[in-house]
């Protein structure tokens, strides 16, 4: 059974940083492309970033490019999202995703 468990969210001031984690189990993490998505209050789910397992290539939404860094630890089977220079519009529940599977999310609130 695929399980994805996000953590690391919280309340942070504008300009601050957070690192989100996603612990994966139930599938071969090494061979899986992994993605972060988010859902802001009252808005639809939005793609944030993907890391390709074969090439290591990373891609980002324009809204977070230069501020977020996606990475993975294949030994720990964990996906990360380092978020810096946070803005209030980044307030959302952040989810990691593998194919059609998604975790329960971790809430990030950017506010002073």
Protein backbone atom coordinates (compact mmCIF):
# COMPACT_ATOMS: atom_id res chain seq x y z
CA UNK A 1 0.00 0.00 0.00
CA UNK A 2 1.37 3.38 -1.03
CA UNK A 3 1.78 5.72 1.93
CA UNK A 4 2.94 9.33 1.82
CA UNK A 5 3.25 11.30 5.05
CA UNK A 6 4.10 14.99 4.89
CA UNK A 7 5.52 17.03 7.76
CA UNK A 8 7.33 20.28 8.45
CA UNK A 9 4.58 22.80 7.91
CA UNK A 10 3.74 25.59 10.29
CA UNK A 11 3.40 29.32 10.75
CA UNK A 12 6.22 31.42 9.36
CA UNK A 13 6.69 35.13 8.77
CA UNK A 14 7.04 36.55 5.27
CA UNK A 15 10.62 36.15 4.12
CA UNK A 16 11.14 33.12 6.30
CA UNK A 17 12.00 29.54 5.42
CA UNK A 18 10.60 26.07 5.97
CA UNK A 19 11.59 22.59 4.90
CA UNK A 20 8.84 20.12 4.19
CA UNK A 21 9.38 16.38 4.24
CA UNK A 22 7.43 13.50 2.79
CA UNK A 23 8.12 10.01 4.07
CA UNK A 24 7.25 7.38 1.48
CA UNK A 25 6.54 3.68 1.81
CA UNK A 26 4.77 0.87 0.01
CA UNK A 27 6.47 1.33 -3.36
CA UNK A 28 9.92 1.51 -4.91
CA UNK A 29 10.80 5.10 -4.12
CA UNK A 30 14.06 4.93 -6.07
CA UNK A 31 12.20 4.41 -9.35
CA UNK A 32 9.45 6.95 -8.80
CA UNK A 33 9.16 10.52 -10.01
CA UNK A 34 7.88 12.61 -7.12
CA UNK A 35 5.89 15.83 -7.03
CA UNK A 36 4.81 18.54 -4.63
CA UNK A 37 1.42 20.17 -5.11
CA UNK A 38 -0.45 22.66 -2.95
CA UNK A 39 -3.94 23.91 -2.35
CA UNK A 40 -4.49 27.43 -1.11
CA UNK A 41 -7.71 28.31 0.74
CA UNK A 42 -10.59 28.50 -1.71
CA UNK A 43 -8.43 27.58 -4.70
CA UNK A 44 -7.77 24.53 -6.81
CA UNK A 45 -4.86 22.19 -6.43
CA UNK A 46 -1.70 23.65 -7.97
CA UNK A 47 1.43 21.90 -9.17
CA UNK A 48 4.57 23.17 -7.42
CA UNK A 49 7.55 21.01 -8.37
CA UNK A 50 8.63 17.62 -9.68
CA UNK A 51 11.86 15.67 -9.43
CA UNK A 52 12.58 13.03 -12.04
CA UNK A 53 14.14 9.89 -10.66
CA UNK A 54 16.05 8.80 -13.75
CA UNK A 55 17.69 12.12 -14.60
CA UNK A 56 17.46 14.03 -11.32
CA UNK A 57 15.92 16.84 -13.32
CA UNK A 58 13.83 19.26 -11.29
CA UNK A 59 11.06 21.51 -12.53
CA UNK A 60 9.19 24.29 -10.76
CA UNK A 61 6.12 26.41 -11.16
CA UNK A 62 7.05 29.94 -12.19
CA UNK A 63 5.56 31.26 -8.97
CA UNK A 64 8.15 29.44 -6.83
CA UNK A 65 11.16 29.28 -9.12
CA UNK A 66 14.26 30.52 -7.35
CA UNK A 67 12.59 30.24 -3.94
CA UNK A 68 11.87 26.51 -3.61
CA UNK A 69 14.20 23.53 -3.99
CA UNK A 70 12.95 19.99 -4.34
CA UNK A 71 15.22 17.11 -3.39
CA UNK A 72 15.09 13.49 -2.36
CA UNK A 73 16.95 10.97 -0.23
CA UNK A 74 16.52 7.57 -1.81
CA UNK A 75 18.04 5.78 1.17
CA UNK A 76 15.61 7.39 3.62
CA UNK A 77 12.80 7.23 1.05
CA UNK A 78 12.01 10.85 1.75
CA UNK A 79 11.11 13.76 -0.48
CA UNK A 80 11.89 17.33 0.58
CA UNK A 81 10.83 20.83 -0.33
CA UNK A 82 13.05 23.63 0.90
CA UNK A 83 11.10 26.86 0.82
CA UNK A 84 12.77 30.23 1.21
CA UNK A 85 11.76 33.88 0.93
CA UNK A 86 8.22 32.85 1.68
CA UNK A 87 5.33 35.07 0.69
CA UNK A 88 1.80 35.22 2.11
CA UNK A 89 0.43 33.86 -1.17
CA UNK A 90 2.30 30.63 -0.50
CA UNK A 91 -0.11 29.85 2.32
CA UNK A 92 -1.60 26.47 1.47
CA UNK A 93 -1.74 22.82 2.35
CA UNK A 94 1.22 21.13 0.69
CA UNK A 95 1.02 17.55 -0.51
CA UNK A 96 3.52 15.16 -1.98
CA UNK A 97 2.29 13.05 -4.81
CA UNK A 98 3.25 9.89 -6.65
CA UNK A 99 1.10 9.24 -9.69
CA UNK A 100 -2.47 9.40 -8.39
CA UNK A 101 -1.48 8.98 -4.74
CA UNK A 102 -1.31 11.91 -2.38
CA UNK A 103 -0.57 12.23 1.31
CA UNK A 104 -2.66 13.98 3.92
CA UNK A 105 -0.75 17.22 3.52
CA UNK A 106 1.01 19.67 5.80
CA UNK A 107 -0.27 23.19 6.31
CA UNK A 108 1.96 26.17 5.65
CA UNK A 109 0.84 29.60 6.80
CA UNK A 110 2.88 32.63 5.85
CA UNK A 111 1.79 35.58 7.90
CA UNK A 112 3.12 38.31 10.12
